[in-house]
């Protein structure tokens, strides 16, 4: 399975059965999303920074809510979580997604803001690759992200949803704050990551990805 990061919460996960794109965004963020094709598009919550599904070509299955799905041999589970209480007194829903591609379990936490409950952790189960927001604001702070990682104990951690030079309009912390929180130094960003079940590390490894938002789809 190959992973590319296109900025913010947008990844492409490509396995033998096809490709998944998570949380495609609009141009307002400052990133330029290349032309991407996918078989599945997931949306963590209904916001322009996470739900620009029209930007993805092909005829993908759009998944915007909780449930269990199977498309072309790829399995997806959507688990609802709720962020800060709104002015009307109801929580803002965020969908956490679990993907099974080529035998590797990937968890995309979306715009998660609160540390999950024990029941939610149990529902997530064993996670091989964790895509975790770390920039704070309306999502997990570096400290809360570290807490989630310590409970889930994934094999691979890939941070997302943090401040970069291209990001516009959002007050987020840079990834360096998260790396400092978890005590990781000298990380060399990678432009793409290939992961196999057999090649997973025995201890948690943190990978920072280069943004692939500029250039054409490959």
N, C-alpha and C. Protein backbone atom coordinates (compact mmCIF):
# COMPACT_ATOMS: atom_id res chain seq x y z
N UNK A 1 0.84 -1.19 0.00
CA UNK A 1 0.00 0.00 0.00
C UNK A 1 0.88 1.24 0.00
N UNK A 2 0.51 2.20 -0.85
CA UNK A 2 1.28 3.44 -0.94
C UNK A 2 0.46 4.60 -0.37
N UNK A 3 1.13 5.49 0.35
CA UNK A 3 0.49 6.65 0.96
C UNK A 3 1.14 7.92 0.44
N UNK A 4 0.31 8.86 -0.02
CA UNK A 4 0.74 10.21 -0.35
C UNK A 4 -0.07 11.19 0.48
N UNK A 5 0.57 12.29 0.87
CA UNK A 5 -0.11 13.34 1.63
C UNK A 5 -0.19 14.59 0.78
N UNK A 6 -1.39 15.17 0.69
CA UNK A 6 -1.61 16.34 -0.15
C UNK A 6 -1.88 17.61 0.66
N UNK A 7 -1.52 17.58 1.93
CA UNK A 7 -1.72 18.73 2.79
C UNK A 7 -2.98 18.59 3.63
N UNK A 8 -2.95 19.22 4.81
CA UNK A 8 -4.07 19.22 5.74
C UNK A 8 -4.44 17.79 6.13
N UNK A 9 -5.67 17.33 5.85
CA UNK A 9 -6.08 15.98 6.22
C UNK A 9 -6.27 15.08 5.00
N UNK A 10 -5.75 15.52 3.86
CA UNK A 10 -5.96 14.83 2.60
C UNK A 10 -4.82 13.87 2.27
N UNK A 11 -5.16 12.59 2.19
CA UNK A 11 -4.20 11.55 1.80
C UNK A 11 -4.79 10.76 0.64
N UNK A 12 -3.91 10.12 -0.12
CA UNK A 12 -4.33 9.06 -1.02
C UNK A 12 -3.69 7.76 -0.55
N UNK A 13 -4.53 6.78 -0.30
CA UNK A 13 -4.09 5.44 0.07
C UNK A 13 -4.33 4.55 -1.14
N UNK A 14 -3.29 3.97 -1.69
CA UNK A 14 -3.45 3.18 -2.90
C UNK A 14 -2.98 1.75 -2.66
N UNK A 15 -3.93 0.81 -2.78
CA UNK A 15 -3.63 -0.60 -2.60
C UNK A 15 -3.91 -1.37 -3.86
N UNK A 16 -3.85 -2.68 -3.77
CA UNK A 16 -4.05 -3.53 -4.94
C UNK A 16 -5.49 -3.41 -5.46
N UNK A 17 -6.44 -3.16 -4.58
CA UNK A 17 -7.84 -3.09 -4.98
C UNK A 17 -8.27 -1.75 -5.54
N UNK A 18 -7.48 -0.70 -5.32
CA UNK A 18 -7.85 0.62 -5.79
C UNK A 18 -7.30 1.70 -4.87
N UNK A 19 -7.88 2.90 -4.97
CA UNK A 19 -7.37 4.06 -4.24
C UNK A 19 -8.46 4.74 -3.43
N UNK A 20 -8.05 5.24 -2.27
CA UNK A 20 -8.91 6.01 -1.38
C UNK A 20 -8.33 7.41 -1.24
N UNK A 21 -9.15 8.44 -1.32
CA UNK A 21 -8.74 9.81 -1.00
C UNK A 21 -9.53 10.27 0.21
N UNK A 22 -8.84 10.82 1.19
CA UNK A 22 -9.49 11.29 2.42
C UNK A 22 -9.56 12.82 2.44
N UNK A 23 -10.67 13.35 2.88
CA UNK A 23 -10.84 14.78 3.18
C UNK A 23 -10.26 15.72 2.12
N UNK A 24 -10.71 15.64 0.86
CA UNK A 24 -10.24 16.60 -0.14
C UNK A 24 -10.72 18.02 0.20
N UNK A 25 -9.88 19.00 -0.05
CA UNK A 25 -10.15 20.38 0.38
C UNK A 25 -10.34 21.30 -0.83
N UNK A 26 -10.85 22.51 -0.53
CA UNK A 26 -10.98 23.55 -1.55
C UNK A 26 -9.72 24.39 -1.66
N UNK A 27 -9.69 25.30 -2.62
CA UNK A 27 -8.50 26.11 -2.88
C UNK A 27 -8.21 27.14 -1.79
N UNK A 28 -9.20 27.42 -0.95
CA UNK A 28 -9.03 28.48 0.05
C UNK A 28 -7.93 28.19 1.06
N UNK A 29 -7.58 26.93 1.22
CA UNK A 29 -6.58 26.55 2.22
C UNK A 29 -5.16 27.00 1.85
N UNK A 30 -4.93 27.22 0.57
CA UNK A 30 -3.58 27.59 0.13
C UNK A 30 -2.84 26.47 -0.57
N UNK A 31 -3.29 25.24 -0.37
CA UNK A 31 -2.72 24.11 -1.11
C UNK A 31 -3.39 24.00 -2.47
N UNK A 32 -2.69 23.42 -3.44
CA UNK A 32 -3.27 23.19 -4.77
C UNK A 32 -3.39 21.68 -4.95
N UNK A 33 -4.61 21.19 -4.87
CA UNK A 33 -4.84 19.76 -4.99
C UNK A 33 -4.68 19.34 -6.45
N UNK A 34 -3.79 18.39 -6.75
CA UNK A 34 -3.65 17.94 -8.14
C UNK A 34 -4.85 17.13 -8.57
N UNK A 35 -4.90 16.79 -9.82
CA UNK A 35 -5.98 15.96 -10.34
C UNK A 35 -5.79 14.54 -9.83
N UNK A 36 -6.70 14.10 -8.99
CA UNK A 36 -6.62 12.78 -8.39
C UNK A 36 -7.82 11.94 -8.79
N UNK A 37 -7.58 10.66 -9.01
CA UNK A 37 -8.65 9.69 -9.23
C UNK A 37 -8.72 8.79 -8.01
N UNK A 38 -9.92 8.35 -7.70
CA UNK A 38 -10.09 7.46 -6.55
C UNK A 38 -11.31 6.58 -6.75
N UNK A 39 -11.31 5.46 -6.06
CA UNK A 39 -12.47 4.56 -6.03
C UNK A 39 -13.35 4.86 -4.83
N UNK A 40 -12.74 5.44 -3.79
CA UNK A 40 -13.45 5.81 -2.56
C UNK A 40 -12.98 7.19 -2.13
N UNK A 41 -13.90 8.03 -1.71
CA UNK A 41 -13.57 9.31 -1.07
C UNK A 41 -14.27 9.35 0.28
N UNK A 42 -13.51 9.63 1.33
CA UNK A 42 -14.11 9.74 2.66
C UNK A 42 -14.08 11.20 3.13
N UNK A 43 -15.13 11.57 3.86
CA UNK A 43 -15.28 12.93 4.39
C UNK A 43 -15.48 12.82 5.89
N UNK A 44 -14.58 13.43 6.66
CA UNK A 44 -14.69 13.33 8.12
C UNK A 44 -15.80 14.23 8.66
N UNK A 45 -15.99 15.40 8.06
CA UNK A 45 -17.11 16.25 8.44
C UNK A 45 -17.39 17.26 7.33
N UNK A 46 -18.58 17.81 7.34
CA UNK A 46 -19.06 18.66 6.25
C UNK A 46 -18.48 20.07 6.38
N UNK A 47 -17.29 20.27 5.84
CA UNK A 47 -16.61 21.56 5.88
C UNK A 47 -15.79 21.67 4.60
N UNK A 48 -15.71 22.86 3.97
CA UNK A 48 -14.97 23.00 2.71
C UNK A 48 -13.52 22.52 2.77
N UNK A 49 -12.92 22.57 3.95
CA UNK A 49 -11.53 22.12 4.09
C UNK A 49 -11.40 20.60 4.12
N UNK A 50 -12.53 19.90 4.15
CA UNK A 50 -12.50 18.44 4.28
C UNK A 50 -13.48 17.73 3.35
N UNK A 51 -14.26 18.45 2.57
CA UNK A 51 -15.39 17.82 1.88
C UNK A 51 -15.53 18.26 0.42
N UNK A 52 -14.43 18.60 -0.24
CA UNK A 52 -14.49 19.03 -1.63
C UNK A 52 -14.45 17.81 -2.56
N UNK A 53 -15.48 16.99 -2.48
CA UNK A 53 -15.47 15.71 -3.20
C UNK A 53 -15.49 15.89 -4.71
N UNK A 54 -15.97 17.03 -5.20
CA UNK A 54 -16.03 17.27 -6.64
C UNK A 54 -14.64 17.39 -7.26
N UNK A 55 -13.63 17.61 -6.42
CA UNK A 55 -12.26 17.74 -6.94
C UNK A 55 -11.66 16.40 -7.35
N UNK A 56 -12.28 15.30 -6.97
CA UNK A 56 -11.74 13.96 -7.24
C UNK A 56 -12.42 13.38 -8.47
N UNK A 57 -11.63 12.94 -9.44
CA UNK A 57 -12.18 12.42 -10.69
C UNK A 57 -12.45 10.93 -10.59
N UNK A 58 -13.02 10.38 -11.67
CA UNK A 58 -13.50 9.02 -11.63
C UNK A 58 -14.94 9.02 -11.14
N UNK A 59 -15.41 7.88 -10.74
CA UNK A 59 -16.75 7.78 -10.16
C UNK A 59 -16.64 7.12 -8.78
N UNK A 60 -16.02 7.84 -7.84
CA UNK A 60 -15.76 7.21 -6.53
C UNK A 60 -17.02 7.06 -5.69
N UNK A 61 -17.00 6.08 -4.82
CA UNK A 61 -18.01 5.95 -3.78
C UNK A 61 -17.71 6.99 -2.70
N UNK A 62 -18.67 7.85 -2.42
CA UNK A 62 -18.49 8.89 -1.41
C UNK A 62 -19.00 8.37 -0.07
N UNK A 63 -18.14 8.37 0.94
CA UNK A 63 -18.53 7.93 2.29
C UNK A 63 -18.45 9.13 3.22
N UNK A 64 -19.59 9.48 3.81
CA UNK A 64 -19.68 10.69 4.63
C UNK A 64 -20.22 10.42 6.03
N UNK A 65 -20.37 9.16 6.40
CA UNK A 65 -20.97 8.88 7.70
C UNK A 65 -20.54 7.53 8.24
N UNK A 66 -21.05 7.20 9.42
CA UNK A 66 -20.68 5.94 10.06
C UNK A 66 -21.25 4.73 9.32
N UNK A 67 -20.63 3.59 9.55
CA UNK A 67 -21.10 2.36 8.92
C UNK A 67 -19.94 1.50 8.48
N UNK A 68 -20.26 0.36 7.87
CA UNK A 68 -19.27 -0.55 7.35
C UNK A 68 -19.46 -0.68 5.85
N UNK A 69 -18.36 -0.59 5.11
CA UNK A 69 -18.44 -0.57 3.66
C UNK A 69 -17.37 -1.50 3.08
N UNK A 70 -17.70 -2.09 1.94
CA UNK A 70 -16.71 -2.87 1.17
C UNK A 70 -16.82 -2.47 -0.29
N UNK A 71 -15.75 -1.95 -0.84
CA UNK A 71 -15.70 -1.54 -2.24
C UNK A 71 -14.43 -2.10 -2.85
N UNK A 72 -14.58 -2.95 -3.85
CA UNK A 72 -13.46 -3.52 -4.60
C UNK A 72 -12.44 -4.20 -3.69
N UNK A 73 -12.94 -4.90 -2.70
CA UNK A 73 -12.05 -5.61 -1.79
C UNK A 73 -11.40 -4.74 -0.73
N UNK A 74 -11.76 -3.45 -0.71
CA UNK A 74 -11.27 -2.53 0.33
C UNK A 74 -12.36 -2.34 1.37
N UNK A 75 -11.99 -2.47 2.63
CA UNK A 75 -12.95 -2.38 3.72
C UNK A 75 -12.79 -1.04 4.45
N UNK A 76 -13.93 -0.41 4.72
CA UNK A 76 -13.93 0.89 5.42
C UNK A 76 -14.96 0.84 6.53
N UNK A 77 -14.57 1.30 7.71
CA UNK A 77 -15.49 1.45 8.84
C UNK A 77 -15.47 2.90 9.28
N UNK A 78 -16.65 3.52 9.37
CA UNK A 78 -16.77 4.88 9.87
C UNK A 78 -17.31 4.89 11.29
N UNK A 79 -16.60 5.55 12.18
CA UNK A 79 -16.96 5.59 13.60
C UNK A 79 -17.23 7.05 14.00
N UNK A 80 -18.43 7.38 14.49
CA UNK A 80 -18.72 8.77 14.84
C UNK A 80 -18.10 9.18 16.17
N UNK A 81 -17.56 10.40 16.18
CA UNK A 81 -17.11 11.04 17.42
C UNK A 81 -17.72 12.44 17.42
N UNK A 82 -17.64 13.12 18.54
CA UNK A 82 -18.23 14.45 18.64
C UNK A 82 -17.25 15.41 19.29
N UNK A 83 -17.13 16.59 18.66
CA UNK A 83 -16.22 17.61 19.15
C UNK A 83 -16.95 18.58 20.07
N UNK A 84 -16.45 19.78 20.18
CA UNK A 84 -17.01 20.75 21.13
C UNK A 84 -18.51 20.93 20.94
N UNK A 85 -19.19 21.19 22.04
CA UNK A 85 -20.61 21.48 21.98
C UNK A 85 -20.83 22.77 21.20
N UNK A 86 -21.80 22.75 20.31
CA UNK A 86 -22.13 23.96 19.55
C UNK A 86 -23.03 24.86 20.39
N UNK A 87 -23.30 26.05 19.86
CA UNK A 87 -24.15 27.01 20.57
C UNK A 87 -25.55 26.44 20.80
N UNK A 88 -25.98 25.52 19.94
CA UNK A 88 -27.31 24.94 20.07
C UNK A 88 -27.33 23.76 21.04
N UNK A 89 -26.15 23.41 21.55
CA UNK A 89 -26.10 22.35 22.56
C UNK A 89 -25.86 20.96 22.01
N UNK A 90 -25.70 20.83 20.70
CA UNK A 90 -25.43 19.52 20.12
C UNK A 90 -23.99 19.45 19.65
N UNK A 91 -23.35 18.29 19.82
CA UNK A 91 -21.96 18.14 19.43
C UNK A 91 -21.78 18.18 17.92
N UNK A 92 -20.58 18.60 17.49
CA UNK A 92 -20.23 18.63 16.08
C UNK A 92 -19.64 17.28 15.71
N UNK A 93 -20.27 16.60 14.77
CA UNK A 93 -19.87 15.23 14.46
C UNK A 93 -18.61 15.18 13.61
N UNK A 94 -17.73 14.27 13.96
CA UNK A 94 -16.54 13.95 13.18
C UNK A 94 -16.52 12.44 12.98
N UNK A 95 -16.19 12.00 11.77
CA UNK A 95 -16.12 10.58 11.50
C UNK A 95 -14.67 10.13 11.45
N UNK A 96 -14.33 9.18 12.29
CA UNK A 96 -13.04 8.51 12.24
C UNK A 96 -13.19 7.30 11.31
N UNK A 97 -12.23 7.11 10.41
CA UNK A 97 -12.32 6.01 9.46
C UNK A 97 -11.21 4.99 9.67
N UNK A 98 -11.59 3.73 9.60
CA UNK A 98 -10.65 2.62 9.58
C UNK A 98 -10.66 2.00 8.18
N UNK A 99 -9.49 1.82 7.61
CA UNK A 99 -9.36 1.22 6.29
C UNK A 99 -8.54 -0.06 6.40
N UNK A 100 -8.95 -1.06 5.65
CA UNK A 100 -8.15 -2.28 5.51
C UNK A 100 -7.76 -2.41 4.05
N UNK A 101 -6.50 -2.09 3.76
CA UNK A 101 -5.97 -2.19 2.40
C UNK A 101 -4.76 -3.11 2.42
N UNK A 102 -4.78 -4.13 1.62
CA UNK A 102 -3.67 -5.08 1.51
C UNK A 102 -3.27 -5.65 2.87
N UNK A 103 -4.26 -5.82 3.76
CA UNK A 103 -3.99 -6.40 5.06
C UNK A 103 -3.45 -5.43 6.09
N UNK A 104 -3.32 -4.15 5.72
CA UNK A 104 -2.83 -3.11 6.63
C UNK A 104 -4.01 -2.28 7.10
N UNK A 105 -4.12 -2.08 8.41
CA UNK A 105 -5.20 -1.28 8.99
C UNK A 105 -4.73 0.16 9.18
N UNK A 106 -5.40 1.07 8.50
CA UNK A 106 -5.08 2.50 8.58
C UNK A 106 -6.23 3.22 9.27
N UNK A 107 -5.92 4.07 10.23
CA UNK A 107 -6.94 4.86 10.94
C UNK A 107 -6.72 6.33 10.64
N UNK A 108 -7.73 6.98 10.05
CA UNK A 108 -7.72 8.42 9.78
C UNK A 108 -8.64 9.08 10.79
N UNK A 109 -8.07 9.90 11.67
CA UNK A 109 -8.84 10.47 12.76
C UNK A 109 -9.64 11.71 12.37
N UNK A 110 -9.54 12.14 11.12
CA UNK A 110 -10.32 13.29 10.68
C UNK A 110 -9.98 14.54 11.48
N UNK A 111 -11.00 15.28 11.87
CA UNK A 111 -10.82 16.50 12.66
C UNK A 111 -11.09 16.23 14.14
N UNK A 112 -10.61 15.11 14.60
CA UNK A 112 -10.83 14.73 16.01
C UNK A 112 -10.28 15.80 16.94
N UNK A 113 -11.08 16.18 17.93
CA UNK A 113 -10.68 17.23 18.86
C UNK A 113 -10.49 16.70 20.28
N UNK A 114 -11.29 15.71 20.65
CA UNK A 114 -11.21 15.15 21.99
C UNK A 114 -10.55 13.78 21.97
N UNK A 115 -9.87 13.45 23.04
CA UNK A 115 -9.33 12.10 23.18
C UNK A 115 -10.52 11.14 23.25
N UNK A 116 -10.52 10.07 22.44
CA UNK A 116 -11.66 9.15 22.43
C UNK A 116 -11.94 8.53 23.80
N UNK A 117 -13.16 8.08 23.98
CA UNK A 117 -13.53 7.37 25.20
C UNK A 117 -12.93 5.96 25.15
N UNK A 118 -12.96 5.28 26.27
CA UNK A 118 -12.45 3.91 26.30
C UNK A 118 -13.21 3.02 25.32
N UNK A 119 -14.53 3.21 25.25
CA UNK A 119 -15.34 2.41 24.33
C UNK A 119 -14.95 2.67 22.88
N UNK A 120 -14.65 3.93 22.56
CA UNK A 120 -14.24 4.25 21.19
C UNK A 120 -12.86 3.67 20.88
N UNK A 121 -11.95 3.71 21.85
CA UNK A 121 -10.64 3.09 21.64
C UNK A 121 -10.80 1.59 21.36
N UNK A 122 -11.69 0.95 22.10
CA UNK A 122 -11.92 -0.48 21.90
C UNK A 122 -12.51 -0.75 20.52
N UNK A 123 -13.36 0.16 20.05
CA UNK A 123 -13.95 0.00 18.73
C UNK A 123 -12.91 0.14 17.63
N UNK A 124 -11.92 1.01 17.86
CA UNK A 124 -10.86 1.18 16.88
C UNK A 124 -9.98 -0.06 16.78
N UNK A 125 -9.76 -0.72 17.90
CA UNK A 125 -9.00 -1.96 17.89
C UNK A 125 -7.53 -1.74 17.59
N UNK A 126 -6.93 -2.70 16.90
CA UNK A 126 -5.50 -2.65 16.59
C UNK A 126 -5.28 -1.85 15.32
N UNK A 127 -4.43 -0.83 15.40
CA UNK A 127 -4.17 0.08 14.29
C UNK A 127 -2.71 -0.06 13.86
N UNK A 128 -2.52 -0.29 12.56
CA UNK A 128 -1.15 -0.36 12.04
C UNK A 128 -0.60 1.03 11.73
N UNK A 129 -1.39 1.85 11.02
CA UNK A 129 -0.96 3.18 10.61
C UNK A 129 -1.99 4.20 11.11
N UNK A 130 -1.52 5.20 11.86
CA UNK A 130 -2.41 6.23 12.41
C UNK A 130 -2.14 7.56 11.74
N UNK A 131 -3.16 8.12 11.09
CA UNK A 131 -3.10 9.46 10.51
C UNK A 131 -3.77 10.40 11.51
N UNK A 132 -2.96 11.22 12.19
CA UNK A 132 -3.45 11.93 13.37
C UNK A 132 -3.26 13.44 13.26
N UNK A 133 -4.33 14.23 13.52
CA UNK A 133 -4.18 15.69 13.55
C UNK A 133 -3.37 16.11 14.77
N UNK A 134 -2.45 17.06 14.57
CA UNK A 134 -1.55 17.42 15.68
C UNK A 134 -1.42 18.93 15.88
N UNK A 135 -2.12 19.73 15.08
CA UNK A 135 -1.90 21.18 15.09
C UNK A 135 -2.75 21.97 16.05
N UNK A 136 -3.64 21.32 16.80
CA UNK A 136 -4.49 22.05 17.73
C UNK A 136 -5.62 22.76 17.00
N UNK A 137 -6.01 23.92 17.52
CA UNK A 137 -7.15 24.63 16.95
C UNK A 137 -8.41 23.82 17.19
N UNK A 138 -9.10 23.45 16.11
CA UNK A 138 -10.33 22.65 16.24
C UNK A 138 -10.04 21.15 16.23
N UNK A 139 -8.77 20.78 16.33
CA UNK A 139 -8.39 19.37 16.38
C UNK A 139 -7.45 19.12 17.55
N UNK A 140 -6.92 17.91 17.63
CA UNK A 140 -6.06 17.53 18.75
C UNK A 140 -4.83 18.43 18.85
N UNK A 141 -4.50 18.82 20.07
CA UNK A 141 -3.24 19.51 20.33
C UNK A 141 -2.11 18.49 20.30
N UNK A 142 -0.85 18.92 20.22
CA UNK A 142 0.25 17.96 20.27
C UNK A 142 0.18 17.04 21.49
N UNK A 143 -0.19 17.59 22.64
CA UNK A 143 -0.26 16.78 23.86
C UNK A 143 -1.37 15.74 23.78
N UNK A 144 -2.54 16.14 23.27
CA UNK A 144 -3.65 15.19 23.15
C UNK A 144 -3.35 14.14 22.08
N UNK A 145 -2.70 14.56 20.99
CA UNK A 145 -2.31 13.60 19.96
C UNK A 145 -1.36 12.55 20.54
N UNK A 146 -0.43 13.00 21.37
CA UNK A 146 0.50 12.08 22.02
C UNK A 146 -0.24 11.10 22.92
N UNK A 147 -1.27 11.58 23.60
CA UNK A 147 -2.06 10.70 24.47
C UNK A 147 -2.79 9.63 23.66
N UNK A 148 -3.36 10.02 22.53
CA UNK A 148 -4.06 9.07 21.67
C UNK A 148 -3.08 8.00 21.16
N UNK A 149 -1.90 8.42 20.77
CA UNK A 149 -0.89 7.49 20.27
C UNK A 149 -0.48 6.50 21.35
N UNK A 150 -0.32 6.98 22.58
CA UNK A 150 0.12 6.11 23.66
C UNK A 150 -0.91 5.03 23.98
N UNK A 151 -2.19 5.33 23.75
CA UNK A 151 -3.24 4.34 24.01
C UNK A 151 -3.37 3.36 22.84
N UNK A 152 -3.38 3.88 21.60
CA UNK A 152 -3.58 3.03 20.43
C UNK A 152 -2.34 2.19 20.10
N UNK A 153 -1.17 2.74 20.38
CA UNK A 153 0.09 2.06 20.09
C UNK A 153 0.18 1.57 18.64
N UNK A 154 -0.01 2.48 17.68
CA UNK A 154 0.10 2.07 16.27
C UNK A 154 1.55 1.75 15.91
N UNK A 155 1.73 1.05 14.81
CA UNK A 155 3.08 0.75 14.34
C UNK A 155 3.71 1.96 13.66
N UNK A 156 2.88 2.73 12.94
CA UNK A 156 3.36 3.91 12.21
C UNK A 156 2.44 5.09 12.51
N UNK A 157 3.03 6.24 12.80
CA UNK A 157 2.28 7.48 13.04
C UNK A 157 2.64 8.48 11.95
N UNK A 158 1.62 9.04 11.29
CA UNK A 158 1.84 10.09 10.30
C UNK A 158 1.01 11.30 10.71
N UNK A 159 1.66 12.40 11.13
CA UNK A 159 0.91 13.59 11.55
C UNK A 159 0.30 14.33 10.36
N UNK A 160 -0.81 15.04 10.65
CA UNK A 160 -1.51 15.81 9.62
C UNK A 160 -2.17 17.01 10.30
N UNK A 161 -2.79 17.87 9.49
CA UNK A 161 -3.59 19.01 10.00
C UNK A 161 -2.76 19.89 10.93
N UNK A 162 -1.66 20.43 10.37
CA UNK A 162 -0.80 21.32 11.14
C UNK A 162 -0.35 22.49 10.25
N UNK A 163 0.29 23.46 10.86
CA UNK A 163 0.73 24.67 10.16
C UNK A 163 1.86 24.36 9.18
N UNK A 164 1.74 24.89 7.96
CA UNK A 164 2.81 24.84 6.98
C UNK A 164 2.92 26.22 6.33
N UNK A 165 3.95 26.40 5.50
CA UNK A 165 4.14 27.70 4.85
C UNK A 165 3.01 28.03 3.88
N UNK A 166 2.36 27.00 3.34
CA UNK A 166 1.31 27.23 2.35
C UNK A 166 -0.08 27.37 2.95
N UNK A 167 -0.26 26.93 4.17
CA UNK A 167 -1.58 26.96 4.79
C UNK A 167 -2.03 28.40 5.05
N UNK A 168 -3.28 28.70 4.71
CA UNK A 168 -3.82 30.04 4.89
C UNK A 168 -5.02 30.02 5.83
N UNK A 169 -5.12 31.05 6.67
CA UNK A 169 -6.35 31.31 7.41
C UNK A 169 -6.58 30.53 8.69
N UNK A 170 -5.78 29.51 8.97
CA UNK A 170 -5.98 28.71 10.17
C UNK A 170 -4.80 28.88 11.11
N UNK A 171 -5.10 29.05 12.38
CA UNK A 171 -4.06 29.20 13.37
C UNK A 171 -3.75 27.84 14.00
N UNK A 172 -2.80 27.16 13.39
CA UNK A 172 -2.40 25.84 13.86
C UNK A 172 -0.93 25.85 14.27
N UNK A 173 -0.55 24.88 15.04
CA UNK A 173 0.85 24.73 15.44
C UNK A 173 1.59 23.92 14.39
N UNK A 174 2.90 24.17 14.24
CA UNK A 174 3.68 23.41 13.27
C UNK A 174 3.94 21.99 13.77
N UNK A 175 4.34 21.13 12.85
CA UNK A 175 4.58 19.74 13.22
C UNK A 175 5.74 19.60 14.19
N UNK A 176 6.64 20.59 14.20
CA UNK A 176 7.78 20.54 15.12
C UNK A 176 7.34 20.51 16.58
N UNK A 177 6.21 21.15 16.89
CA UNK A 177 5.70 21.13 18.27
C UNK A 177 5.26 19.72 18.67
N UNK A 178 4.64 19.03 17.73
CA UNK A 178 4.23 17.65 18.00
C UNK A 178 5.46 16.75 18.17
N UNK A 179 6.45 16.90 17.30
CA UNK A 179 7.65 16.07 17.38
C UNK A 179 8.37 16.30 18.71
N UNK A 180 8.38 17.55 19.17
CA UNK A 180 8.98 17.87 20.46
C UNK A 180 8.21 17.20 21.59
N UNK A 181 6.87 17.20 21.48
CA UNK A 181 6.01 16.60 22.51
C UNK A 181 6.29 15.11 22.65
N UNK A 182 6.52 14.41 21.55
CA UNK A 182 6.72 12.96 21.61
C UNK A 182 8.20 12.58 21.67
N UNK A 183 9.07 13.59 21.68
CA UNK A 183 10.50 13.31 21.85
C UNK A 183 11.18 12.74 20.63
N UNK A 184 10.72 13.13 19.44
CA UNK A 184 11.31 12.63 18.19
C UNK A 184 12.14 13.74 17.55
N UNK A 185 13.37 13.39 17.15
CA UNK A 185 14.27 14.36 16.53
C UNK A 185 14.78 13.83 15.19
N UNK A 186 15.31 14.75 14.41
CA UNK A 186 16.00 14.39 13.16
C UNK A 186 15.13 13.56 12.22
N UNK A 187 13.92 14.02 12.00
CA UNK A 187 13.02 13.34 11.08
C UNK A 187 13.19 13.94 9.69
N UNK A 188 13.45 13.09 8.71
CA UNK A 188 13.57 13.53 7.32
C UNK A 188 12.24 13.28 6.61
N UNK A 189 11.55 14.33 6.15
CA UNK A 189 10.25 14.13 5.49
C UNK A 189 10.36 13.24 4.25
N UNK A 190 9.32 12.44 4.03
CA UNK A 190 9.27 11.53 2.89
C UNK A 190 8.15 11.94 1.95
N UNK A 191 8.40 11.86 0.65
CA UNK A 191 7.38 12.31 -0.30
C UNK A 191 6.29 11.27 -0.51
N UNK A 192 6.60 10.00 -0.31
CA UNK A 192 5.58 8.95 -0.35
C UNK A 192 6.07 7.79 0.51
N UNK A 193 5.13 7.01 1.01
CA UNK A 193 5.45 5.92 1.91
C UNK A 193 4.80 4.65 1.39
N UNK A 194 5.57 3.58 1.32
CA UNK A 194 5.04 2.27 0.95
C UNK A 194 5.08 1.37 2.19
N UNK A 195 3.93 0.79 2.53
CA UNK A 195 3.82 0.00 3.75
C UNK A 195 3.23 -1.37 3.41
N UNK A 196 3.84 -2.41 3.94
CA UNK A 196 3.30 -3.76 3.84
C UNK A 196 3.11 -4.31 5.24
N UNK A 197 2.22 -5.27 5.37
CA UNK A 197 1.98 -5.88 6.68
C UNK A 197 3.26 -6.50 7.23
N UNK A 198 4.00 -7.19 6.37
CA UNK A 198 5.23 -7.85 6.82
C UNK A 198 6.33 -6.85 7.18
N UNK A 199 6.26 -5.64 6.58
CA UNK A 199 7.31 -4.66 6.81
C UNK A 199 7.04 -3.67 7.92
N UNK A 200 5.95 -3.85 8.68
CA UNK A 200 5.64 -2.93 9.78
C UNK A 200 6.71 -3.02 10.86
N UNK A 201 7.09 -1.87 11.45
CA UNK A 201 8.10 -1.89 12.50
C UNK A 201 7.57 -2.53 13.78
N UNK A 202 8.46 -3.02 14.60
CA UNK A 202 8.07 -3.65 15.86
C UNK A 202 7.72 -2.61 16.92
N UNK A 203 8.29 -1.41 16.81
CA UNK A 203 7.99 -0.30 17.73
C UNK A 203 7.46 0.88 16.92
N UNK A 204 6.69 1.74 17.58
CA UNK A 204 6.05 2.86 16.89
C UNK A 204 7.08 3.75 16.20
N UNK A 205 6.84 3.99 14.92
CA UNK A 205 7.71 4.85 14.12
C UNK A 205 6.90 6.05 13.64
N UNK A 206 7.46 7.25 13.75
CA UNK A 206 6.80 8.47 13.29
C UNK A 206 7.39 8.89 11.95
N UNK A 207 6.51 9.12 10.97
CA UNK A 207 6.93 9.55 9.64
C UNK A 207 6.28 10.88 9.34
N UNK A 208 7.09 11.87 8.99
CA UNK A 208 6.59 13.16 8.52
C UNK A 208 6.64 13.14 7.00
N UNK A 209 5.55 13.53 6.37
CA UNK A 209 5.47 13.46 4.91
C UNK A 209 5.61 14.82 4.25
N UNK A 210 6.26 14.82 3.09
CA UNK A 210 6.29 15.99 2.24
C UNK A 210 4.92 16.15 1.59
N UNK A 211 4.50 17.38 1.44
CA UNK A 211 3.21 17.63 0.81
C UNK A 211 3.31 17.45 -0.71
N UNK A 212 2.43 16.62 -1.26
CA UNK A 212 2.41 16.36 -2.71
C UNK A 212 1.36 17.21 -3.42
N UNK A 213 0.97 18.33 -2.82
CA UNK A 213 -0.14 19.11 -3.36
C UNK A 213 0.21 19.81 -4.66
N UNK A 214 1.46 20.02 -4.98
CA UNK A 214 1.82 20.66 -6.24
C UNK A 214 2.29 19.60 -7.22
N UNK A 215 1.94 19.76 -8.48
CA UNK A 215 2.33 18.79 -9.49
C UNK A 215 1.15 17.95 -9.91
N UNK A 216 1.35 17.11 -10.88
CA UNK A 216 0.27 16.29 -11.42
C UNK A 216 0.21 14.96 -10.75
N UNK A 217 -0.94 14.31 -10.85
CA UNK A 217 -1.13 12.98 -10.31
C UNK A 217 -0.23 11.98 -11.03
N UNK A 218 0.27 11.01 -10.31
CA UNK A 218 1.16 10.01 -10.91
C UNK A 218 0.57 8.64 -10.77
